Amino acid sequence: MGCDQVNGRSVPASLVILSASLALLGAAAWAEESSAVDDEVEVRIDTILASNAGKAFDPALSSLRQPFVGLFPYSSYRLLQGEQRRVAWRREAEFLIPGGRYLVVVPRGYKDGRVQLNVMLIQGSRPLVNTVLALKNHGVFLVAGPHYKEGVLVIAIGAGTGPIAPSPSTQVQAAVTAHTP
């Protein structure tokens, strides 16, 4: 029986074949559930300016009032831009963010009612955030912290199979503060 080298050690070929087979079965199971949904995922990116300059709350953000008040120490929230588009599974989509930043989103799959996304927030050539999310279908993930004008940007990342609401959903699953110099 043949052997391959892994970290300088001999590994039986049958173990390598078994490992590869299990990996392929896992990928096939994920792909099977992914293919049971749409060929594309609806991705919505809303960019909000949060600050302590005043006490205004943009009516377009009404569905996020409770999470914002509970999560962030700011008194004013204004929607700067919102973009919604359908993105093919495993295809990259770029969203421009104020302040010379952009967000790269790659929908990876759908399983157990969750949309898996690779998300990278980039400024220049430097990634500020690079993570994998597993959002409930039509859920929203909040990233806060890049400084902008008199406050900070809060980026609401929403995704789901089928259309999502024209404004961010209230199913906020997590919030991250990204500290940047």
N, C-alpha and C. Protein backbone atom coordinates (compact mmCIF):
# COMPACT_ATOMS: atom_id res chain seq x y z
N MET A 1 0.85 -1.17 0.00
CA MET A 1 0.00 0.00 0.00
C MET A 1 0.90 1.23 0.00
N GLY A 2 0.57 2.27 -0.83
CA GLY A 2 1.40 3.46 -0.95
C GLY A 2 1.22 4.39 0.22
N CYS A 3 2.23 5.27 0.43
CA CYS A 3 2.17 6.25 1.51
C CYS A 3 2.53 7.62 0.96
N ASP A 4 1.89 8.65 1.49
CA ASP A 4 2.21 10.04 1.17
C ASP A 4 2.90 10.64 2.38
N GLN A 5 3.58 11.76 2.19
CA GLN A 5 4.24 12.45 3.28
C GLN A 5 3.38 13.63 3.74
N VAL A 6 3.11 13.72 5.05
CA VAL A 6 2.43 14.85 5.65
C VAL A 6 3.28 15.30 6.82
N ASN A 7 3.78 16.54 6.77
CA ASN A 7 4.67 17.07 7.82
C ASN A 7 5.81 16.11 8.10
N GLY A 8 6.38 15.50 7.06
CA GLY A 8 7.53 14.62 7.21
C GLY A 8 7.20 13.23 7.68
N ARG A 9 5.92 12.90 7.86
CA ARG A 9 5.53 11.58 8.33
C ARG A 9 4.80 10.84 7.23
N SER A 10 4.93 9.54 7.23
CA SER A 10 4.23 8.71 6.24
C SER A 10 2.77 8.57 6.63
N VAL A 11 1.90 8.75 5.66
CA VAL A 11 0.46 8.60 5.88
C VAL A 11 -0.02 7.59 4.85
N PRO A 12 -0.71 6.53 5.29
CA PRO A 12 -1.20 5.54 4.33
C PRO A 12 -2.11 6.19 3.28
N ALA A 13 -1.96 5.74 2.04
CA ALA A 13 -2.76 6.28 0.93
C ALA A 13 -4.24 6.12 1.20
N SER A 14 -4.63 5.03 1.87
CA SER A 14 -6.06 4.82 2.16
C SER A 14 -6.60 5.91 3.08
N LEU A 15 -5.78 6.40 4.02
CA LEU A 15 -6.20 7.48 4.91
C LEU A 15 -6.34 8.79 4.12
N VAL A 16 -5.43 9.04 3.20
CA VAL A 16 -5.50 10.24 2.37
C VAL A 16 -6.77 10.19 1.53
N ILE A 17 -7.07 9.03 0.94
CA ILE A 17 -8.27 8.88 0.11
C ILE A 17 -9.52 9.04 0.96
N LEU A 18 -9.54 8.45 2.17
CA LEU A 18 -10.68 8.57 3.07
C LEU A 18 -10.90 10.03 3.46
N SER A 19 -9.83 10.73 3.81
CA SER A 19 -9.94 12.14 4.18
C SER A 19 -10.49 12.97 3.04
N ALA A 20 -9.97 12.75 1.84
CA ALA A 20 -10.45 13.49 0.66
C ALA A 20 -11.92 13.17 0.40
N SER A 21 -12.30 11.91 0.55
CA SER A 21 -13.70 11.51 0.32
C SER A 21 -14.63 12.19 1.31
N LEU A 22 -14.23 12.21 2.59
CA LEU A 22 -15.06 12.87 3.60
C LEU A 22 -15.19 14.36 3.33
N ALA A 23 -14.10 14.99 2.92
CA ALA A 23 -14.14 16.41 2.59
C ALA A 23 -15.09 16.67 1.43
N LEU A 24 -15.02 15.82 0.41
CA LEU A 24 -15.90 15.98 -0.75
C LEU A 24 -17.36 15.73 -0.37
N LEU A 25 -17.62 14.77 0.50
CA LEU A 25 -18.99 14.51 0.94
C LEU A 25 -19.55 15.70 1.69
N GLY A 26 -18.73 16.30 2.55
CA GLY A 26 -19.17 17.50 3.29
C GLY A 26 -19.46 18.65 2.35
N ALA A 27 -18.60 18.86 1.37
CA ALA A 27 -18.81 19.92 0.39
C ALA A 27 -20.05 19.63 -0.45
N ALA A 28 -20.26 18.36 -0.80
CA ALA A 28 -21.43 17.99 -1.59
C ALA A 28 -22.72 18.22 -0.80
N ALA A 29 -22.70 17.90 0.49
CA ALA A 29 -23.88 18.11 1.32
C ALA A 29 -24.20 19.59 1.41
N TRP A 30 -23.19 20.42 1.59
CA TRP A 30 -23.38 21.88 1.65
C TRP A 30 -23.91 22.38 0.31
N ALA A 31 -23.32 21.92 -0.78
CA ALA A 31 -23.74 22.35 -2.11
C ALA A 31 -25.16 21.88 -2.40
N GLU A 32 -25.52 20.67 -1.93
CA GLU A 32 -26.85 20.16 -2.19
C GLU A 32 -27.90 21.04 -1.54
N GLU A 33 -27.66 21.45 -0.28
CA GLU A 33 -28.62 22.33 0.37
C GLU A 33 -28.59 23.70 -0.27
N SER A 34 -27.41 24.19 -0.68
CA SER A 34 -27.30 25.48 -1.34
C SER A 34 -28.09 25.49 -2.63
N SER A 35 -28.03 24.39 -3.39
CA SER A 35 -28.70 24.36 -4.69
C SER A 35 -30.21 24.24 -4.53
N ALA A 36 -30.67 23.87 -3.33
CA ALA A 36 -32.10 23.77 -3.10
C ALA A 36 -32.73 25.16 -3.00
N VAL A 37 -31.92 26.20 -2.83
CA VAL A 37 -32.41 27.58 -2.77
C VAL A 37 -32.09 28.26 -4.09
N ASP A 38 -32.34 29.54 -4.16
CA ASP A 38 -32.09 30.31 -5.38
C ASP A 38 -30.65 30.18 -5.85
N ASP A 39 -30.42 30.51 -7.13
CA ASP A 39 -29.07 30.52 -7.69
C ASP A 39 -28.28 31.72 -7.19
N GLU A 40 -28.98 32.66 -6.59
CA GLU A 40 -28.34 33.88 -6.10
C GLU A 40 -28.84 34.17 -4.69
N VAL A 41 -28.11 35.04 -4.01
CA VAL A 41 -28.51 35.49 -2.69
C VAL A 41 -28.67 37.01 -2.76
N GLU A 42 -29.67 37.51 -2.07
CA GLU A 42 -29.90 38.95 -2.01
C GLU A 42 -29.01 39.51 -0.90
N VAL A 43 -28.13 40.44 -1.25
CA VAL A 43 -27.22 41.04 -0.28
C VAL A 43 -27.55 42.52 -0.17
N ARG A 44 -27.69 43.00 1.05
CA ARG A 44 -27.96 44.43 1.28
C ARG A 44 -26.89 44.98 2.20
N ILE A 45 -26.30 46.10 1.78
CA ILE A 45 -25.29 46.78 2.58
C ILE A 45 -25.79 48.20 2.83
N ASP A 46 -26.00 48.53 4.09
CA ASP A 46 -26.39 49.89 4.48
C ASP A 46 -25.26 50.48 5.29
N THR A 47 -24.91 51.73 4.96
CA THR A 47 -23.85 52.43 5.67
C THR A 47 -24.48 53.58 6.44
N ILE A 48 -24.26 53.57 7.75
CA ILE A 48 -24.90 54.52 8.66
C ILE A 48 -23.82 55.34 9.35
N LEU A 49 -24.04 56.66 9.46
CA LEU A 49 -23.14 57.51 10.24
C LEU A 49 -23.72 57.62 11.64
N ALA A 50 -22.99 57.13 12.63
CA ALA A 50 -23.38 57.21 14.03
C ALA A 50 -22.52 58.27 14.69
N SER A 51 -23.15 59.19 15.43
CA SER A 51 -22.38 60.25 16.07
C SER A 51 -23.13 60.76 17.30
N ASN A 52 -22.50 61.68 18.00
CA ASN A 52 -23.13 62.36 19.13
C ASN A 52 -23.44 63.80 18.76
N ALA A 53 -23.49 64.11 17.46
CA ALA A 53 -23.84 65.44 16.97
C ALA A 53 -25.35 65.49 16.79
N GLY A 54 -26.07 65.87 17.82
CA GLY A 54 -27.52 65.94 17.75
C GLY A 54 -28.16 64.67 18.25
N LYS A 55 -29.48 64.61 18.06
CA LYS A 55 -30.25 63.44 18.52
C LYS A 55 -31.18 62.93 17.43
N ALA A 56 -30.78 63.09 16.18
CA ALA A 56 -31.62 62.66 15.05
C ALA A 56 -31.50 61.17 14.82
N PHE A 57 -32.62 60.55 14.48
CA PHE A 57 -32.62 59.13 14.11
C PHE A 57 -33.32 59.03 12.77
N ASP A 58 -32.58 58.67 11.73
CA ASP A 58 -33.11 58.59 10.37
C ASP A 58 -34.30 57.64 10.34
N PRO A 59 -35.47 58.10 9.85
CA PRO A 59 -36.64 57.22 9.78
C PRO A 59 -36.42 55.97 8.92
N ALA A 60 -35.50 56.04 7.97
CA ALA A 60 -35.21 54.86 7.13
C ALA A 60 -34.58 53.73 7.95
N LEU A 61 -34.13 54.04 9.16
CA LEU A 61 -33.48 53.05 10.01
C LEU A 61 -34.37 52.59 11.16
N SER A 62 -35.66 52.87 11.07
CA SER A 62 -36.56 52.61 12.20
C SER A 62 -36.51 51.16 12.69
N SER A 63 -36.30 50.20 11.77
CA SER A 63 -36.26 48.80 12.19
C SER A 63 -35.00 48.47 13.00
N LEU A 64 -34.01 49.36 12.97
CA LEU A 64 -32.77 49.12 13.73
C LEU A 64 -32.67 49.99 14.99
N ARG A 65 -33.71 50.76 15.30
CA ARG A 65 -33.64 51.66 16.46
C ARG A 65 -33.27 50.91 17.73
N GLN A 66 -33.98 49.83 18.02
CA GLN A 66 -33.73 49.09 19.26
C GLN A 66 -32.30 48.53 19.33
N PRO A 67 -31.82 47.82 18.29
CA PRO A 67 -30.44 47.33 18.37
C PRO A 67 -29.41 48.46 18.49
N PHE A 68 -29.62 49.55 17.77
CA PHE A 68 -28.65 50.66 17.84
C PHE A 68 -28.60 51.26 19.24
N VAL A 69 -29.76 51.53 19.81
CA VAL A 69 -29.81 52.12 21.15
C VAL A 69 -29.18 51.18 22.18
N GLY A 70 -29.41 49.88 22.01
CA GLY A 70 -28.87 48.91 22.96
C GLY A 70 -27.39 48.61 22.79
N LEU A 71 -26.85 48.76 21.56
CA LEU A 71 -25.48 48.34 21.28
C LEU A 71 -24.45 49.46 21.23
N PHE A 72 -24.87 50.64 20.79
CA PHE A 72 -23.90 51.69 20.51
C PHE A 72 -24.15 52.93 21.37
N PRO A 73 -23.07 53.65 21.73
CA PRO A 73 -23.20 54.81 22.62
C PRO A 73 -23.39 56.14 21.88
N TYR A 74 -24.16 56.14 20.79
CA TYR A 74 -24.32 57.36 20.01
C TYR A 74 -25.76 57.85 20.10
N SER A 75 -25.95 59.15 19.86
CA SER A 75 -27.28 59.75 19.96
C SER A 75 -27.90 60.04 18.60
N SER A 76 -27.12 59.96 17.52
CA SER A 76 -27.62 60.29 16.19
C SER A 76 -27.21 59.20 15.19
N TYR A 77 -28.17 58.81 14.34
CA TYR A 77 -27.92 57.79 13.32
C TYR A 77 -28.53 58.25 12.00
N ARG A 78 -27.69 58.31 10.97
CA ARG A 78 -28.15 58.77 9.65
C ARG A 78 -27.69 57.81 8.58
N LEU A 79 -28.64 57.33 7.76
CA LEU A 79 -28.32 56.44 6.65
C LEU A 79 -27.59 57.25 5.58
N LEU A 80 -26.34 56.86 5.28
CA LEU A 80 -25.57 57.54 4.25
C LEU A 80 -25.84 56.94 2.88
N GLN A 81 -25.89 55.62 2.84
CA GLN A 81 -26.18 54.95 1.57
C GLN A 81 -26.64 53.53 1.84
N GLY A 82 -27.40 53.03 0.89
CA GLY A 82 -27.87 51.65 0.97
C GLY A 82 -27.80 51.06 -0.42
N GLU A 83 -27.36 49.83 -0.50
CA GLU A 83 -27.27 49.15 -1.79
C GLU A 83 -27.70 47.71 -1.62
N GLN A 84 -28.58 47.28 -2.51
CA GLN A 84 -29.08 45.92 -2.48
C GLN A 84 -28.90 45.32 -3.86
N ARG A 85 -28.34 44.10 -3.90
CA ARG A 85 -28.20 43.43 -5.19
C ARG A 85 -28.20 41.93 -5.01
N ARG A 86 -28.51 41.25 -6.11
CA ARG A 86 -28.47 39.79 -6.12
C ARG A 86 -27.07 39.38 -6.55
N VAL A 87 -26.49 38.45 -5.78
CA VAL A 87 -25.12 38.00 -6.03
C VAL A 87 -25.15 36.48 -6.18
N ALA A 88 -24.50 35.98 -7.22
CA ALA A 88 -24.42 34.54 -7.43
C ALA A 88 -23.59 33.89 -6.33
N TRP A 89 -23.96 32.67 -5.97
CA TRP A 89 -23.20 31.93 -4.96
C TRP A 89 -21.75 31.80 -5.41
N ARG A 90 -20.84 31.98 -4.46
CA ARG A 90 -19.39 31.86 -4.66
C ARG A 90 -18.83 32.88 -5.65
N ARG A 91 -19.55 33.99 -5.84
CA ARG A 91 -19.07 35.09 -6.69
C ARG A 91 -18.84 36.31 -5.80
N GLU A 92 -17.80 37.06 -6.11
CA GLU A 92 -17.42 38.23 -5.34
C GLU A 92 -18.24 39.45 -5.75
N ALA A 93 -18.67 40.23 -4.76
CA ALA A 93 -19.35 41.50 -5.01
C ALA A 93 -18.67 42.57 -4.17
N GLU A 94 -18.41 43.73 -4.77
CA GLU A 94 -17.77 44.84 -4.06
C GLU A 94 -18.78 45.96 -3.87
N PHE A 95 -18.79 46.51 -2.66
CA PHE A 95 -19.67 47.62 -2.31
C PHE A 95 -18.78 48.77 -1.83
N LEU A 96 -18.91 49.94 -2.45
CA LEU A 96 -18.15 51.10 -2.03
C LEU A 96 -18.72 51.64 -0.72
N ILE A 97 -17.81 52.00 0.20
CA ILE A 97 -18.17 52.52 1.50
C ILE A 97 -17.54 53.91 1.62
N PRO A 98 -18.23 54.88 2.21
CA PRO A 98 -17.63 56.22 2.36
C PRO A 98 -16.28 56.17 3.06
N GLY A 99 -15.44 57.14 2.75
CA GLY A 99 -14.13 57.23 3.38
C GLY A 99 -13.06 56.43 2.66
N GLY A 100 -13.27 56.11 1.38
CA GLY A 100 -12.26 55.39 0.61
C GLY A 100 -12.16 53.92 0.96
N ARG A 101 -13.23 53.36 1.47
CA ARG A 101 -13.24 51.93 1.83
C ARG A 101 -14.17 51.18 0.89
N TYR A 102 -14.01 49.86 0.88
CA TYR A 102 -14.97 49.02 0.17
C TYR A 102 -15.11 47.70 0.89
N LEU A 103 -16.27 47.10 0.67
CA LEU A 103 -16.61 45.84 1.31
C LEU A 103 -16.70 44.78 0.23
N VAL A 104 -15.99 43.68 0.42
CA VAL A 104 -16.04 42.55 -0.50
C VAL A 104 -16.86 41.45 0.18
N VAL A 105 -17.91 41.00 -0.51
CA VAL A 105 -18.81 39.98 0.03
C VAL A 105 -18.84 38.81 -0.95
N VAL A 106 -18.65 37.60 -0.42
CA VAL A 106 -18.74 36.38 -1.24
C VAL A 106 -19.71 35.43 -0.56
N PRO A 107 -20.92 35.25 -1.12
CA PRO A 107 -21.85 34.26 -0.56
C PRO A 107 -21.29 32.85 -0.80
N ARG A 108 -21.09 32.08 0.28
CA ARG A 108 -20.45 30.77 0.17
C ARG A 108 -21.44 29.62 0.11
N GLY A 109 -22.57 29.75 0.78
CA GLY A 109 -23.52 28.64 0.77
C GLY A 109 -24.69 28.90 1.69
N TYR A 110 -25.63 27.95 1.69
CA TYR A 110 -26.83 28.05 2.51
C TYR A 110 -27.08 26.70 3.18
N LYS A 111 -27.17 26.69 4.50
CA LYS A 111 -27.40 25.44 5.22
C LYS A 111 -28.08 25.74 6.54
N ASP A 112 -29.03 24.90 6.90
CA ASP A 112 -29.75 25.03 8.17
C ASP A 112 -30.35 26.43 8.37
N GLY A 113 -30.88 27.00 7.29
CA GLY A 113 -31.52 28.31 7.39
C GLY A 113 -30.55 29.46 7.55
N ARG A 114 -29.28 29.24 7.23
CA ARG A 114 -28.26 30.28 7.37
C ARG A 114 -27.53 30.50 6.05
N VAL A 115 -27.23 31.75 5.80
CA VAL A 115 -26.44 32.14 4.63
C VAL A 115 -25.01 32.38 5.11
N GLN A 116 -24.06 31.67 4.51
CA GLN A 116 -22.67 31.85 4.88
C GLN A 116 -22.02 32.83 3.91
N LEU A 117 -21.35 33.84 4.47
CA LEU A 117 -20.70 34.89 3.69
C LEU A 117 -19.25 35.06 4.12
N ASN A 118 -18.37 35.25 3.16
CA ASN A 118 -17.03 35.77 3.46
C ASN A 118 -17.15 37.28 3.31
N VAL A 119 -16.66 38.02 4.29
CA VAL A 119 -16.78 39.48 4.28
C VAL A 119 -15.41 40.08 4.59
N MET A 120 -15.00 41.05 3.75
CA MET A 120 -13.74 41.74 3.99
C MET A 120 -13.96 43.24 3.78
N LEU A 121 -13.67 44.04 4.82
CA LEU A 121 -13.72 45.49 4.73
C LEU A 121 -12.29 45.96 4.48
N ILE A 122 -12.10 46.71 3.40
CA ILE A 122 -10.76 47.09 2.97
C ILE A 122 -10.65 48.60 2.86
N GLN A 123 -9.52 49.12 3.33
CA GLN A 123 -9.19 50.53 3.15
C GLN A 123 -7.84 50.57 2.46
N GLY A 124 -7.81 51.12 1.25
CA GLY A 124 -6.59 51.09 0.45
C GLY A 124 -6.31 49.66 0.07
N SER A 125 -5.16 49.14 0.50
CA SER A 125 -4.84 47.74 0.24
C SER A 125 -4.86 46.92 1.54
N ARG A 126 -5.30 47.54 2.62
CA ARG A 126 -5.25 46.91 3.94
C ARG A 126 -6.63 46.45 4.40
N PRO A 127 -6.77 45.16 4.70
CA PRO A 127 -8.05 44.69 5.25
C PRO A 127 -8.21 45.16 6.70
N LEU A 128 -9.37 45.77 6.99
CA LEU A 128 -9.68 46.18 8.36
C LEU A 128 -10.44 45.07 9.09
N VAL A 129 -11.28 44.35 8.34
CA VAL A 129 -12.05 43.22 8.87
C VAL A 129 -12.02 42.14 7.80
N ASN A 130 -11.77 40.91 8.21
CA ASN A 130 -11.79 39.77 7.30
C ASN A 130 -12.38 38.61 8.09
N THR A 131 -13.63 38.23 7.76
CA THR A 131 -14.31 37.23 8.57
C THR A 131 -15.29 36.41 7.73
N VAL A 132 -15.77 35.35 8.32
CA VAL A 132 -16.82 34.52 7.73
C VAL A 132 -18.03 34.64 8.64
N LEU A 133 -19.19 34.91 8.05
CA LEU A 133 -20.43 35.04 8.80
C LEU A 133 -21.39 33.93 8.40
N ALA A 134 -22.19 33.47 9.33
CA ALA A 134 -23.28 32.56 9.03
C ALA A 134 -24.54 33.23 9.57
N LEU A 135 -25.20 34.01 8.71
CA LEU A 135 -26.38 34.78 9.09
C LEU A 135 -27.64 33.96 8.96
N LYS A 136 -28.57 34.11 9.90
CA LYS A 136 -29.90 33.55 9.69
C LYS A 136 -30.42 34.15 8.40
N ASN A 137 -31.21 33.39 7.67
CA ASN A 137 -31.76 33.88 6.43
C ASN A 137 -32.46 35.22 6.69
N HIS A 138 -32.06 36.25 5.98
CA HIS A 138 -32.55 37.63 6.11
C HIS A 138 -32.09 38.30 7.39
N GLY A 139 -31.04 37.78 8.00
CA GLY A 139 -30.48 38.40 9.20
C GLY A 139 -29.57 39.55 8.84
N VAL A 140 -29.13 40.28 9.87
CA VAL A 140 -28.25 41.44 9.70
C VAL A 140 -27.10 41.34 10.69
N PHE A 141 -25.92 41.68 10.22
CA PHE A 141 -24.72 41.72 11.05
C PHE A 141 -24.22 43.16 11.02
N LEU A 142 -23.84 43.71 12.15
CA LEU A 142 -23.39 45.10 12.23
C LEU A 142 -21.89 45.16 12.49
N VAL A 143 -21.20 45.99 11.72
CA VAL A 143 -19.78 46.26 11.93
C VAL A 143 -19.66 47.75 12.17
N ALA A 144 -19.10 48.13 13.30
CA ALA A 144 -18.96 49.55 13.64
C ALA A 144 -17.51 49.87 13.95
N GLY A 145 -17.12 51.08 13.68
CA GLY A 145 -15.80 51.50 14.10
C GLY A 145 -14.97 52.33 13.17
N PRO A 146 -15.05 52.16 11.84
CA PRO A 146 -14.22 53.04 11.02
C PRO A 146 -14.67 54.49 11.21
N HIS A 147 -13.74 55.35 11.61
CA HIS A 147 -14.06 56.77 11.82
C HIS A 147 -14.42 57.42 10.49
N TYR A 148 -15.38 58.33 10.56
CA TYR A 148 -15.80 59.06 9.37
C TYR A 148 -16.42 60.38 9.81
N LYS A 149 -15.91 61.47 9.28
CA LYS A 149 -16.38 62.81 9.62
C LYS A 149 -16.46 62.96 11.13
N GLU A 150 -17.65 63.33 11.66
CA GLU A 150 -17.78 63.59 13.10
C GLU A 150 -18.20 62.37 13.91
N GLY A 151 -18.14 61.19 13.30
CA GLY A 151 -18.58 60.00 14.03
C GLY A 151 -17.90 58.74 13.54
N VAL A 152 -18.65 57.66 13.55
CA VAL A 152 -18.15 56.37 13.05
C VAL A 152 -19.17 55.79 12.08
N LEU A 153 -18.68 54.95 11.21
CA LEU A 153 -19.57 54.24 10.29
C LEU A 153 -20.04 52.96 10.95
N VAL A 154 -21.31 52.66 10.76
CA VAL A 154 -21.86 51.37 11.13
C VAL A 154 -22.31 50.76 9.81
N ILE A 155 -21.82 49.57 9.53
CA ILE A 155 -22.17 48.89 8.28
C ILE A 155 -23.09 47.74 8.63
N ALA A 156 -24.31 47.79 8.08
CA ALA A 156 -25.28 46.72 8.29
C ALA A 156 -25.22 45.79 7.08
N ILE A 157 -24.85 44.54 7.32
CA ILE A 157 -24.70 43.54 6.26
C ILE A 157 -25.88 42.58 6.39
N GLY A 158 -26.74 42.58 5.38
CA GLY A 158 -27.90 41.70 5.38
C GLY A 158 -27.84 40.75 4.20
N ALA A 159 -28.35 39.54 4.39
CA ALA A 159 -28.36 38.58 3.29
C ALA A 159 -29.50 37.60 3.48
N GLY A 160 -30.02 37.13 2.34
CA GLY A 160 -31.07 36.14 2.41
C GLY A 160 -31.42 35.61 1.03
N THR A 161 -32.01 34.45 1.03
CA THR A 161 -32.52 33.91 -0.22
C THR A 161 -33.90 34.49 -0.41
N GLY A 162 -34.19 34.94 -1.62
CA GLY A 162 -35.42 35.67 -1.87
C GLY A 162 -35.20 37.12 -1.48
N PRO A 163 -36.17 37.99 -1.76
CA PRO A 163 -35.98 39.42 -1.47
C PRO A 163 -35.94 39.70 0.02
N ILE A 164 -35.16 40.71 0.39
CA ILE A 164 -35.15 41.16 1.77
C ILE A 164 -35.76 42.55 1.83
N ALA A 165 -36.13 42.95 3.00
CA ALA A 165 -36.81 44.22 3.19
C ALA A 165 -35.98 45.38 2.65
N PRO A 166 -36.63 46.48 2.23
CA PRO A 166 -35.90 47.60 1.69
C PRO A 166 -35.02 48.30 2.72
N SER A 167 -35.25 48.07 4.00
CA SER A 167 -34.36 48.60 5.03
C SER A 167 -33.86 47.42 5.85
N PRO A 168 -32.80 47.63 6.64
CA PRO A 168 -32.22 46.50 7.37
C PRO A 168 -33.23 45.81 8.27
N SER A 169 -33.11 44.50 8.36
CA SER A 169 -33.97 43.68 9.20
C SER A 169 -33.64 43.89 10.67
N THR A 170 -34.59 43.58 11.53
CA THR A 170 -34.32 43.70 12.96
C THR A 170 -33.69 42.44 13.54
N GLN A 171 -33.45 41.43 12.72
CA GLN A 171 -32.80 40.21 13.20
C GLN A 171 -31.30 40.43 13.31
N VAL A 172 -30.89 41.36 14.14
CA VAL A 172 -29.47 41.63 14.30
C VAL A 172 -28.88 40.50 15.11
N GLN A 173 -27.83 39.88 14.55
CA GLN A 173 -27.26 38.71 15.21
C GLN A 173 -25.99 39.02 15.98
N ALA A 174 -25.28 40.04 15.60
CA ALA A 174 -24.04 40.36 16.29
C ALA A 174 -23.59 41.73 15.89
N ALA A 175 -22.72 42.27 16.67
CA ALA A 175 -22.12 43.57 16.34
C ALA A 175 -20.64 43.49 16.67
N VAL A 176 -19.83 44.07 15.82
CA VAL A 176 -18.39 44.08 16.01
C VAL A 176 -17.91 45.50 15.91
N THR A 177 -17.01 45.88 16.77
CA THR A 177 -16.41 47.19 16.66
C THR A 177 -15.01 47.00 16.09
N ALA A 178 -14.78 47.61 14.94
CA ALA A 178 -13.49 47.52 14.28
C ALA A 178 -12.71 48.79 14.59
N HIS A 179 -11.67 48.67 15.36
CA HIS A 179 -10.85 49.84 15.71
C HIS A 179 -9.81 50.06 14.64
N THR A 180 -9.79 51.26 14.10
CA THR A 180 -8.80 51.59 13.08
C THR A 180 -8.04 52.83 13.52
N PRO A 181 -6.78 52.91 13.16
CA PRO A 181 -6.00 54.09 13.55
C PRO A 181 -6.45 55.33 12.85
